[in-house]
């Protein structure tokens, strides 16, 4: 389980190095809402690089990019930082992720955590994204019902979920120090 009480090294995989974080450029509708996402796992960040490059190439109208970057940040919490950690991929986590993906679901979950500068927990990776999509669409039953929750959680549990840390405010971003970027060439990976 991740803790936001102490200094951490965090990583971001992308098509470009990120030295300056701009929250207004972060897409909404992600697991923990709009924000800048990092992980404690350099391998998870590395696995994200090709996906980020494919998306960027599509947006640019090119065939592909040949390399991306892992950018490292040091997180140093400050006393006024408002954080929340989901220790497990449980019903609370599921409802919050569902609410961020479809705001008509579990509005109370969004209200409960709207004050948080940083939210951390398990990541809904490619394997789990489909389960979450089925859950929010009602394929397992009414989202929030005991049946739908039980099916979604049971489907998610076999997956090895790594962590993600979402920096949602300038106060959160101010706790990050850029440490450097490493180029990742696809041909040598």
Foldseek 3Di string as FASTA:
>chain_A
DDDQQAKAKKKAAAQEEPQDDDQVPFDFQAQQGRFDKIFRDPVVRVVCNQVRQCVVCVVVVHDTDFKIKMWMKMFGDDPVAAEEEDAACALLSLQNSLCRNPVVGPVVSCVVCVPHQKYKYWHCDPQLVVLSVCLSVQVQHPNPDPRSRVVSCVSPVVDDTGMMMGGNDPNRVVRIHTDDMDMGGPVVD
